[in-house]
């Protein structure tokens, strides 16, 4: 075992997880934070044969959405089954009852007893992953005067959540002092499932870790373009249960903002991050309405739909594939980034509201597991995810202002973007708020570059409105 992995185990104790265990086929089907939680629980309960038992547990209870008809068949035949999935609960105000959304069975109105909703309120806010017990019980469902069913015959009878026992960021702060700046970068890279040896150099590590910024800071909207298979969605799919990934396709205002029919808030209202994956394939039924609302939200952190006004700390993330070629030993894009966006979003006013652009083309494609995915210990994702979520509640923009002064023709949006990204990086890299001038200078230089790419992009779109300006800064003290 490498020295870094030994230090991680010593510093984090029970909150250290061997990431190499996630590469097993049955376990890797699950989101990373769920898989790691189950690994920890089974290893403690069955120390001698936990891997066999965990594989059997997942095989028995976890099903893909494509298997929903088979699940329904089993439910009718067996009357009661247990499945691993996310439970999202919404409240029907007309009936005063609770209804559940469960993707693997393809149902959005399953009956949920009020005590389950009350015991696990996060099911009504962001949804929660866990072991869900379902019962097929048409005899207890309501019927109309003709005896026809008027509510779902399936009911949730039990729910066991998969979650960390704590979300206290102090664990990160206390452990940070055991590692150098460079070591801590590697700790975080292993934590999110990558092999730090595949990302040599501080710059490349910072580019990779930039993907975490929207998860630790509110309203930090970001874009990443890169070749296929560089793991653009890997972090968002595996690190946080508070993220919703939307892969191309048609996106309605009801799903994104607010459903006026049933009164359910959209994804932006309830998620830490909403990720538009394969952004070029995203389509809107009413582009003008959605883009206008996106611009309003990205500027003010609020939006209106119908009579509803919603405030949210959600971060918008746009991911797109770009063609690249090698020049002087480095990969660079060979197509105009603007045309990766769907046509309604090719608007400088929208792009200006994006905080930074991550150059994903600088990261290697993920190849063999042993080279690109973590081969040792990192921080347990179920805890790390909750810690990131907790840290979103407080910004460090004020702390940033004490140490950094921006120079040149800096707009209000430039300043806000740079300081929010720095706030996020300080939470990630210096959770104990201890750093030296060299370290802060390295991170600030990277952040300013992320924003500079947005400035350069806007100049290319509207050269008369956005002058070509080089952003600069000084580190005080």
Protein backbone atom coordinates (compact mmCIF):
# COMPACT_ATOMS: atom_id res chain seq x y z
CA UNK A 1 0.00 0.00 0.00
CA UNK A 2 1.38 3.43 -0.99
CA UNK A 3 2.33 6.03 1.60
CA UNK A 4 -0.56 8.29 0.52
CA UNK A 5 -3.13 5.55 1.11
CA UNK A 6 -1.64 4.79 4.53
CA UNK A 7 -1.94 8.47 5.49
CA UNK A 8 -5.54 8.58 4.28
CA UNK A 9 -6.45 5.57 6.42
CA UNK A 10 -4.76 7.08 9.47
CA UNK A 11 -6.30 10.53 8.99
CA UNK A 12 -9.85 9.42 8.18
CA UNK A 13 -10.24 6.10 9.99
CA UNK A 14 -13.74 4.76 9.39
CA UNK A 15 -14.30 7.45 6.76
CA UNK A 16 -11.60 5.97 4.50
CA UNK A 17 -12.74 3.56 1.78
CA UNK A 18 -10.75 1.36 -0.59
CA UNK A 19 -11.90 2.74 -3.95
CA UNK A 20 -10.53 -0.22 -5.88
CA UNK A 21 -13.41 -2.30 -4.49
CA UNK A 22 -15.85 -0.24 -6.55
CA UNK A 23 -14.56 -1.66 -9.80
CA UNK A 24 -16.39 -4.96 -9.36
CA UNK A 25 -19.12 -5.24 -11.99
CA UNK A 26 -22.09 -5.71 -9.67
CA UNK A 27 -21.09 -2.84 -7.38
CA UNK A 28 -20.12 -0.39 -10.13
CA UNK A 29 -23.69 -0.46 -11.45
CA UNK A 30 -24.69 1.67 -8.47
CA UNK A 31 -23.92 5.36 -7.94
CA UNK A 32 -20.56 5.66 -6.16
CA UNK A 33 -21.93 7.10 -2.92
CA UNK A 34 -24.45 4.24 -2.64
CA UNK A 35 -21.87 1.55 -3.43
CA UNK A 36 -19.41 2.88 -0.88
CA UNK A 37 -22.07 3.07 1.82
CA UNK A 38 -22.98 -0.57 1.21
CA UNK A 39 -19.33 -1.66 1.14
CA UNK A 40 -18.78 -0.07 4.56
CA UNK A 41 -21.93 -1.57 6.08
CA UNK A 42 -21.35 -5.08 4.76
CA UNK A 43 -17.65 -5.08 5.67
CA UNK A 44 -18.56 -4.23 9.27
CA UNK A 45 -21.40 -6.76 9.54
CA UNK A 46 -19.82 -9.63 7.62
CA UNK A 47 -16.02 -9.22 7.93
CA UNK A 48 -15.22 -12.70 6.61
CA UNK A 49 -17.34 -12.86 3.45
CA UNK A 50 -18.77 -9.37 2.96
CA UNK A 51 -17.92 -9.21 -0.76
CA UNK A 52 -19.90 -12.34 -1.58
CA UNK A 53 -22.84 -11.20 0.53
CA UNK A 54 -22.81 -7.71 -1.01
CA UNK A 55 -22.76 -9.09 -4.55
CA UNK A 56 -25.72 -11.32 -3.72
CA UNK A 57 -27.57 -8.40 -2.10
CA UNK A 58 -27.12 -6.16 -5.16
CA UNK A 59 -28.01 -8.94 -7.61
CA UNK A 60 -31.17 -9.65 -5.64
CA UNK A 61 -32.38 -6.09 -5.11
CA UNK A 62 -30.94 -3.74 -7.75
CA UNK A 63 -32.62 -3.50 -11.17
CA UNK A 64 -32.15 -1.28 -14.19
CA UNK A 65 -35.03 0.81 -15.54
CA UNK A 66 -35.18 -1.51 -18.56
CA UNK A 67 -36.29 -4.30 -16.20
CA UNK A 68 -39.37 -2.48 -14.93
CA UNK A 69 -41.90 -4.84 -16.54
CA UNK A 70 -40.14 -7.81 -14.97
CA UNK A 71 -40.24 -6.02 -11.60
CA UNK A 72 -43.97 -5.39 -11.97
CA UNK A 73 -44.49 -9.06 -12.81
CA UNK A 74 -42.57 -10.11 -9.70
CA UNK A 75 -44.52 -7.65 -7.58
CA UNK A 76 -47.85 -9.09 -8.72
CA UNK A 77 -46.65 -12.68 -8.30
CA UNK A 78 -44.87 -12.29 -4.95
CA UNK A 79 -47.01 -9.42 -3.60
CA UNK A 80 -44.01 -7.94 -1.75
CA UNK A 81 -40.47 -7.17 -3.00
CA UNK A 82 -37.47 -5.09 -1.89
CA UNK A 83 -35.51 -2.96 -4.35
CA UNK A 84 -32.52 -0.58 -4.22
CA UNK A 85 -33.53 2.74 -5.74
CA UNK A 86 -34.09 6.42 -5.08
CA UNK A 87 -37.39 7.31 -3.41
CA UNK A 88 -38.80 10.75 -4.21
CA UNK A 89 -41.99 11.75 -2.42
CA UNK A 90 -44.48 14.43 -3.42
CA UNK A 91 -47.61 15.55 -1.60
CA UNK A 92 -51.04 15.56 -3.23
CA UNK A 93 -52.74 18.58 -1.66
CA UNK A 94 -56.20 17.63 -2.94
CA UNK A 95 -56.19 14.27 -1.16
CA UNK A 96 -53.68 15.17 1.55
CA UNK A 97 -51.75 12.01 0.75
CA UNK A 98 -48.14 11.23 -0.17
CA UNK A 99 -47.04 9.72 -3.46
CA UNK A 100 -43.68 8.25 -4.45
CA UNK A 101 -41.63 8.35 -7.65
CA UNK A 102 -39.52 5.21 -8.22
CA UNK A 103 -37.60 5.05 -11.50
CA UNK A 104 -36.79 1.32 -11.63
CA UNK A 105 -40.47 0.39 -11.59
CA UNK A 106 -41.53 3.31 -13.75
CA UNK A 107 -44.22 4.64 -11.40
CA UNK A 108 -44.73 8.21 -10.17
CA UNK A 109 -47.76 7.89 -7.90
CA UNK A 110 -46.99 4.97 -5.58
CA UNK A 111 -48.67 5.31 -2.20
CA UNK A 112 -46.32 6.33 0.62
CA UNK A 113 -47.43 6.22 4.29
CA UNK A 114 -47.07 9.63 5.97
CA UNK A 115 -44.83 8.23 8.71
CA UNK A 116 -42.18 7.23 6.15
CA UNK A 117 -42.25 10.71 4.65
CA UNK A 118 -42.05 12.28 8.11
CA UNK A 119 -39.18 10.05 9.25
CA UNK A 120 -37.16 10.79 6.11
CA UNK A 121 -37.98 14.37 5.04
CA UNK A 122 -35.15 14.40 2.48
CA UNK A 123 -37.31 12.08 0.35
CA UNK A 124 -39.56 15.11 -0.16
CA UNK A 125 -36.71 17.53 -0.89
CA UNK A 126 -34.10 15.84 -3.08
CA UNK A 127 -35.05 12.17 -2.89
CA UNK A 128 -33.09 9.49 -1.01
CA UNK A 129 -31.46 6.24 -2.06
CA UNK A 130 -32.20 3.21 0.04
CA UNK A 131 -33.79 -0.23 0.25
CA UNK A 132 -37.49 0.19 -0.58
CA UNK A 133 -40.04 -2.46 0.34
CA UNK A 134 -43.05 -2.46 -2.00
CA UNK A 135 -46.34 -4.28 -1.60
CA UNK A 136 -48.87 -4.96 -4.33
CA UNK A 137 -52.13 -4.27 -2.51
CA UNK A 138 -55.06 -3.45 -4.85
CA UNK A 139 -57.50 -4.42 -2.11
CA UNK A 140 -56.42 -1.40 0.00
CA UNK A 141 -56.42 1.09 -2.89
CA UNK A 142 -59.33 3.49 -3.41
CA UNK A 143 -61.98 2.68 -6.00
CA UNK A 144 -64.72 4.66 -7.69
CA UNK A 145 -68.41 3.87 -7.42
CA UNK A 146 -68.03 1.32 -10.21
CA UNK A 147 -65.30 -0.53 -8.34
CA UNK A 148 -62.50 0.66 -10.62
CA UNK A 149 -59.13 1.53 -9.07
CA UNK A 150 -58.51 5.27 -8.78
CA UNK A 151 -55.12 5.11 -7.07
CA UNK A 152 -51.95 3.09 -7.49
CA UNK A 153 -52.25 -0.47 -6.12
CA UNK A 154 -48.60 -0.37 -4.98
CA UNK A 155 -47.62 0.95 -1.55
CA UNK A 156 -44.26 1.55 0.12
CA UNK A 157 -44.27 -0.48 3.34
CA UNK A 158 -40.70 0.12 4.54
CA UNK A 159 -37.66 2.23 3.69
CA UNK A 160 -34.04 1.87 4.85
CA UNK A 161 -31.93 4.86 3.70
CA UNK A 162 -28.30 4.66 2.63
CA UNK A 163 -26.62 7.71 4.14
CA UNK A 164 -23.60 8.78 6.15
CA UNK A 165 -23.93 9.09 9.93
CA UNK A 166 -22.58 12.65 9.76
CA UNK A 167 -22.08 15.52 7.35
CA UNK A 168 -19.78 17.57 9.59
CA UNK A 169 -17.07 19.25 7.45
CA UNK A 170 -14.85 19.46 10.56
CA UNK A 171 -13.63 15.96 9.73
CA UNK A 172 -12.16 17.34 6.52
CA UNK A 173 -10.73 20.39 8.29
CA UNK A 174 -9.04 18.31 10.99
CA UNK A 175 -7.57 15.82 8.51
CA UNK A 176 -6.29 18.49 6.12
CA UNK A 177 -3.35 19.34 8.38
CA UNK A 178 -1.84 15.88 7.88
CA UNK A 179 -1.31 16.46 4.15
CA UNK A 180 0.70 18.83 2.00
CA UNK A 181 -1.07 20.87 -0.68
CA UNK A 182 0.01 18.45 -3.39
CA UNK A 183 -0.98 15.40 -1.32
CA UNK A 184 -4.41 16.85 -0.61
CA UNK A 185 -5.04 17.24 -4.34
CA UNK A 186 -4.33 13.51 -4.67
CA UNK A 187 -6.60 12.71 -1.69
CA UNK A 188 -9.51 14.45 -3.40
CA UNK A 189 -8.78 12.86 -6.77
CA UNK A 190 -8.84 9.37 -5.22
CA UNK A 191 -11.96 10.29 -3.27
CA UNK A 192 -13.92 11.01 -6.44
CA UNK A 193 -12.71 7.74 -7.94
CA UNK A 194 -9.76 8.66 -10.16
CA UNK A 195 -6.15 7.49 -10.02
CA UNK A 196 -4.04 10.53 -9.13
CA UNK A 197 -1.08 9.10 -11.05
CA UNK A 198 -3.05 9.47 -14.30
CA UNK A 199 -3.22 13.24 -13.79
CA UNK A 200 0.39 14.45 -13.38
CA UNK A 201 1.07 18.07 -12.50
CA UNK A 202 -0.85 20.53 -10.34
CA UNK A 203 -2.54 22.18 -13.30
CA UNK A 204 -4.11 18.99 -14.61
CA UNK A 205 -5.26 18.04 -11.11
CA UNK A 206 -6.92 21.45 -10.67
CA UNK A 207 -8.69 21.11 -14.01
CA UNK A 208 -10.07 17.75 -12.88
CA UNK A 209 -11.12 19.00 -9.44
CA UNK A 210 -12.87 22.00 -11.02
CA UNK A 211 -15.74 19.60 -11.65
CA UNK A 212 -16.48 19.68 -7.91
CA UNK A 213 -16.97 23.45 -7.73
CA UNK A 214 -20.76 23.43 -8.43
CA UNK A 215 -21.21 20.82 -5.68
CA UNK A 216 -19.66 22.93 -2.91
CA UNK A 217 -20.79 26.49 -3.79
CA UNK A 218 -24.28 27.74 -4.54
CA UNK A 219 -25.13 29.24 -7.93
CA UNK A 220 -21.76 28.38 -9.43
CA UNK A 221 -22.68 27.82 -13.07
CA UNK A 222 -20.00 26.22 -15.19
CA UNK A 223 -19.32 24.76 -18.63
CA UNK A 224 -16.95 21.95 -19.58
CA UNK A 225 -16.07 20.93 -23.11
CA UNK A 226 -13.87 17.95 -23.85
CA UNK A 227 -13.52 14.81 -25.96
CA UNK A 228 -15.71 11.79 -25.34
CA UNK A 229 -14.69 9.33 -22.58
CA UNK A 230 -12.86 11.89 -20.41
CA UNK A 231 -15.28 11.30 -17.53
CA UNK A 232 -17.23 14.57 -17.73
CA UNK A 233 -20.34 13.08 -16.10
CA UNK A 234 -18.49 10.61 -13.86
CA UNK A 235 -18.18 13.02 -10.93
CA UNK A 236 -21.77 14.20 -11.05
CA UNK A 237 -23.18 10.69 -11.35
CA UNK A 238 -21.11 9.16 -8.57
CA UNK A 239 -20.21 11.82 -6.02
CA UNK A 240 -23.45 13.50 -5.01
CA UNK A 241 -27.05 12.40 -4.59
CA UNK A 242 -28.05 16.07 -4.80
CA UNK A 243 -27.33 16.24 -8.53
CA UNK A 244 -29.68 15.59 -11.44
CA UNK A 245 -28.17 14.69 -14.80
CA UNK A 246 -30.27 15.43 -17.89
CA UNK A 247 -28.84 13.68 -20.95
CA UNK A 248 -29.86 15.45 -24.14
CA UNK A 249 -33.45 15.16 -25.30
CA UNK A 250 -36.48 17.37 -24.71
CA UNK A 251 -36.63 19.29 -21.43
CA UNK A 252 -39.91 20.90 -20.40
CA UNK A 253 -40.36 24.02 -18.23
CA UNK A 254 -42.38 21.87 -15.81
CA UNK A 255 -39.50 19.44 -15.28
CA UNK A 256 -36.88 22.15 -15.02
CA UNK A 257 -38.65 24.97 -13.14
CA UNK A 258 -42.14 24.28 -11.79
CA UNK A 259 -45.03 21.97 -12.69
CA UNK A 260 -48.13 24.15 -12.63
CA UNK A 261 -50.42 21.13 -12.98
CA UNK A 262 -49.41 19.21 -9.86
CA UNK A 263 -47.56 21.94 -7.94
CA UNK A 264 -44.24 20.05 -7.91
CA UNK A 265 -41.07 22.17 -8.04
CA UNK A 266 -38.69 21.41 -10.88
CA UNK A 267 -35.14 20.11 -10.72
CA UNK A 268 -33.54 23.55 -10.37
CA UNK A 269 -35.60 24.20 -7.26
CA UNK A 270 -34.48 21.08 -5.40
CA UNK A 271 -31.03 20.06 -6.66
CA UNK A 272 -27.58 21.28 -5.72
CA UNK A 273 -26.62 20.95 -9.38
CA UNK A 274 -28.56 20.39 -12.58
CA UNK A 275 -26.29 18.95 -15.26
CA UNK A 276 -27.08 19.24 -18.97
CA UNK A 277 -25.04 16.39 -20.40
CA UNK A 278 -24.44 16.30 -24.16
CA UNK A 279 -25.66 19.89 -24.25
CA UNK A 280 -25.70 19.95 -28.06
CA UNK A 281 -28.58 17.44 -28.02
CA UNK A 282 -30.74 19.34 -25.52
CA UNK A 283 -34.07 20.55 -26.90
CA UNK A 284 -36.73 22.83 -25.43
CA UNK A 285 -40.45 22.83 -26.35
CA UNK A 286 -40.51 26.59 -25.73
CA UNK A 287 -36.90 27.83 -26.15
CA UNK A 288 -37.63 31.51 -25.54
CA UNK A 289 -39.35 30.85 -22.21
CA UNK A 290 -36.74 28.42 -20.90
CA UNK A 291 -33.66 30.42 -21.95
CA UNK A 292 -35.17 33.63 -20.51
CA UNK A 293 -35.87 31.88 -17.21
CA UNK A 294 -32.38 30.35 -17.18
CA UNK A 295 -30.80 33.79 -17.67
CA UNK A 296 -32.98 35.25 -14.92
CA UNK A 297 -32.11 32.44 -12.53
CA UNK A 298 -28.37 32.42 -13.30
CA UNK A 299 -28.25 36.15 -12.57
CA UNK A 300 -30.55 36.45 -9.56
CA UNK A 301 -30.82 32.88 -8.15
CA UNK A 302 -34.59 33.21 -8.58
CA UNK A 303 -37.18 32.56 -11.28
CA UNK A 304 -40.92 32.82 -11.80
CA UNK A 305 -43.36 30.46 -13.46
CA UNK A 306 -47.05 31.18 -13.32
CA UNK A 307 -47.74 32.66 -9.91
CA UNK A 308 -44.81 30.85 -8.33
CA UNK A 309 -41.54 32.60 -7.52
CA UNK A 310 -38.74 30.24 -6.55
CA UNK A 311 -35.34 30.97 -5.00
CA UNK A 312 -32.67 28.31 -5.32
CA UNK A 313 -28.96 27.78 -4.76
CA UNK A 314 -28.72 25.27 -7.60
CA UNK A 315 -25.73 25.36 -9.94
CA UNK A 316 -26.19 24.92 -13.68
CA UNK A 317 -23.59 22.69 -15.36
CA UNK A 318 -23.30 22.30 -19.15
CA UNK A 319 -21.22 19.47 -20.56
CA UNK A 320 -20.39 19.05 -24.22
CA UNK A 321 -18.23 16.94 -26.50
CA UNK A 322 -15.66 18.74 -28.64
CA UNK A 323 -13.34 17.54 -31.38
CA UNK A 324 -9.66 18.11 -30.62
CA UNK A 325 -6.27 17.76 -32.28
CA UNK A 326 -2.75 17.60 -30.91
CA UNK A 327 -0.59 20.69 -31.27
CA UNK A 328 2.86 21.00 -29.72
CA UNK A 329 2.22 18.11 -27.35
CA UNK A 330 -1.17 19.37 -26.14
CA UNK A 331 -4.76 18.83 -27.26
CA UNK A 332 -6.80 21.86 -28.36
CA UNK A 333 -10.37 22.21 -29.69
CA UNK A 334 -10.74 22.41 -33.47
CA UNK A 335 -14.35 23.59 -33.55
CA UNK A 336 -16.14 26.73 -32.44
CA UNK A 337 -17.39 26.16 -28.90
CA UNK A 338 -20.49 28.25 -29.59
CA UNK A 339 -21.88 25.64 -31.97
CA UNK A 340 -21.68 22.92 -29.35
CA UNK A 341 -24.53 24.72 -27.59
CA UNK A 342 -28.07 24.29 -28.92
CA UNK A 343 -29.08 27.28 -31.02
CA UNK A 344 -31.34 28.98 -28.41
CA UNK A 345 -28.42 29.06 -25.93
CA UNK A 346 -25.91 30.73 -28.28
CA UNK A 347 -26.45 34.00 -26.49
CA UNK A 348 -23.64 36.12 -25.04
CA UNK A 349 -25.95 37.26 -22.20
CA UNK A 350 -26.42 33.61 -21.16
CA UNK A 351 -22.74 32.73 -21.55
CA UNK A 352 -21.71 35.77 -19.48
CA UNK A 353 -23.70 34.33 -16.58
CA UNK A 354 -21.55 31.18 -16.64
CA UNK A 355 -18.78 31.54 -14.03
CA UNK A 356 -16.05 29.63 -15.85
CA UNK A 357 -15.16 27.23 -18.64
CA UNK A 358 -13.29 24.04 -17.73
CA UNK A 359 -10.85 22.96 -20.50
CA UNK A 360 -11.78 19.30 -20.42
CA UNK A 361 -9.74 18.76 -23.57
CA UNK A 362 -6.63 18.86 -21.35
CA UNK A 363 -7.67 15.69 -19.49
CA UNK A 364 -6.89 12.17 -20.71
CA UNK A 365 -9.52 9.74 -21.84
CA UNK A 366 -10.41 7.13 -19.24
CA UNK A 367 -9.00 3.83 -20.44
CA UNK A 368 -8.10 0.78 -18.41
CA UNK A 369 -9.36 0.71 -14.84
CA UNK A 370 -5.93 0.08 -13.34
CA UNK A 371 -4.50 3.21 -14.96
CA UNK A 372 -7.25 5.80 -14.65
CA UNK A 373 -9.47 4.80 -11.72
CA UNK A 374 -8.39 4.85 -8.07
CA UNK A 375 -6.41 1.86 -6.89
CA UNK A 376 -6.43 2.70 -3.18
CA UNK A 377 -8.02 4.68 -0.38
CA UNK A 378 -9.98 7.91 -0.47
CA UNK A 379 -12.62 9.62 1.66
CA UNK A 380 -15.95 7.77 1.83
CA UNK A 381 -18.25 9.32 -0.76
CA UNK A 382 -21.42 9.10 1.32
CA UNK A 383 -19.74 11.33 3.93
CA UNK A 384 -17.89 13.49 1.38
CA UNK A 385 -21.11 14.14 -0.54
CA UNK A 386 -22.94 15.24 2.59
CA UNK A 387 -20.00 17.42 3.66
CA UNK A 388 -19.98 19.19 0.29
CA UNK A 389 -23.73 19.72 0.55
CA UNK A 390 -23.33 21.20 4.05
CA UNK A 391 -20.49 23.48 2.96
CA UNK A 392 -22.71 25.04 0.27
CA UNK A 393 -24.68 26.81 2.99
CA UNK A 394 -21.86 29.27 3.70
CA UNK A 395 -19.82 31.15 1.10
CA UNK A 396 -16.23 32.29 1.62
CA UNK A 397 -16.42 35.22 -0.81
CA UNK A 398 -15.69 37.57 2.08
CA UNK A 399 -12.58 35.56 2.98
CA UNK A 400 -11.45 35.67 -0.65
CA UNK A 401 -11.73 39.48 -0.70
CA UNK A 402 -9.25 39.69 2.17
CA UNK A 403 -6.53 37.98 0.15
CA UNK A 404 -7.17 38.72 -3.54
CA UNK A 405 -7.43 41.98 -5.49
CA UNK A 406 -8.57 41.82 -9.10
CA UNK A 407 -6.94 44.16 -11.61
CA UNK A 408 -7.81 45.67 -14.97
CA UNK A 409 -11.19 45.98 -16.69
CA UNK A 410 -13.07 43.63 -14.40
CA UNK A 411 -16.87 43.57 -14.66
CA UNK A 412 -19.20 42.86 -11.77
CA UNK A 413 -19.88 39.42 -13.27
CA UNK A 414 -16.15 38.75 -13.60
CA UNK A 415 -15.60 39.62 -9.96
CA UNK A 416 -18.55 37.58 -8.74
CA UNK A 417 -17.52 34.58 -10.85
CA UNK A 418 -13.88 34.59 -9.76
CA UNK A 419 -14.67 35.06 -6.09
CA UNK A 420 -17.34 32.34 -6.07
CA UNK A 421 -14.99 29.87 -7.77
CA UNK A 422 -12.22 30.77 -5.32
CA UNK A 423 -14.63 30.36 -2.42
CA UNK A 424 -15.44 26.86 -3.68
CA UNK A 425 -11.77 25.94 -4.16
CA UNK A 426 -10.84 27.16 -0.68
CA UNK A 427 -13.56 24.96 0.83
CA UNK A 428 -12.22 21.99 -1.12
CA UNK A 429 -8.49 22.51 -0.87
CA UNK A 430 -8.15 24.38 2.42
CA UNK A 431 -11.11 23.33 4.61
CA UNK A 432 -9.09 24.41 7.67
CA UNK A 433 -8.61 27.87 6.04
CA UNK A 434 -4.85 27.47 6.26
CA UNK A 435 -2.88 28.27 3.09
CA UNK A 436 0.22 30.17 2.09
CA UNK A 437 0.69 32.80 -0.59
CA UNK A 438 2.15 30.34 -3.11
CA UNK A 439 -0.77 27.95 -2.79
CA UNK A 440 -3.35 30.70 -3.07
CA UNK A 441 -1.56 32.16 -6.08
CA UNK A 442 -1.64 28.80 -7.87
CA UNK A 443 -5.36 28.34 -7.27
CA UNK A 444 -6.24 31.95 -8.11
CA UNK A 445 -4.31 31.77 -11.37
CA UNK A 446 -6.31 28.69 -12.36
CA UNK A 447 -9.64 30.30 -11.43
CA UNK A 448 -8.87 33.51 -13.33
CA UNK A 449 -8.06 31.39 -16.36
CA UNK A 450 -11.45 29.62 -16.12
CA UNK A 451 -13.14 33.02 -16.20
CA UNK A 452 -10.81 34.37 -18.90
CA UNK A 453 -12.06 31.64 -21.23
CA UNK A 454 -15.59 32.97 -20.79
CA UNK A 455 -14.42 36.52 -21.52
CA UNK A 456 -12.60 35.39 -24.67
CA UNK A 457 -15.67 33.44 -25.78
CA UNK A 458 -17.94 36.46 -25.37
CA UNK A 459 -15.50 38.67 -27.31
CA UNK A 460 -15.63 36.20 -30.17
CA UNK A 461 -19.43 36.25 -30.10
CA UNK A 462 -19.85 40.03 -29.76
CA UNK A 463 -16.52 41.81 -30.31
CA UNK A 464 -18.09 45.28 -30.28
CA UNK A 465 -19.84 44.71 -26.95
CA UNK A 466 -17.14 42.70 -25.16
CA UNK A 467 -13.63 44.05 -25.58
CA UNK A 468 -10.66 41.69 -25.43
CA UNK A 469 -9.31 42.16 -21.90
CA UNK A 470 -6.82 40.15 -19.91
CA UNK A 471 -7.97 39.56 -16.35
CA UNK A 472 -5.28 39.85 -13.70
CA UNK A 473 -4.93 39.84 -9.94
CA UNK A 474 -2.57 40.24 -7.01
CA UNK A 475 -2.35 38.17 -3.85
CA UNK A 476 -2.25 40.48 -0.86
CA UNK A 477 0.24 40.13 1.96
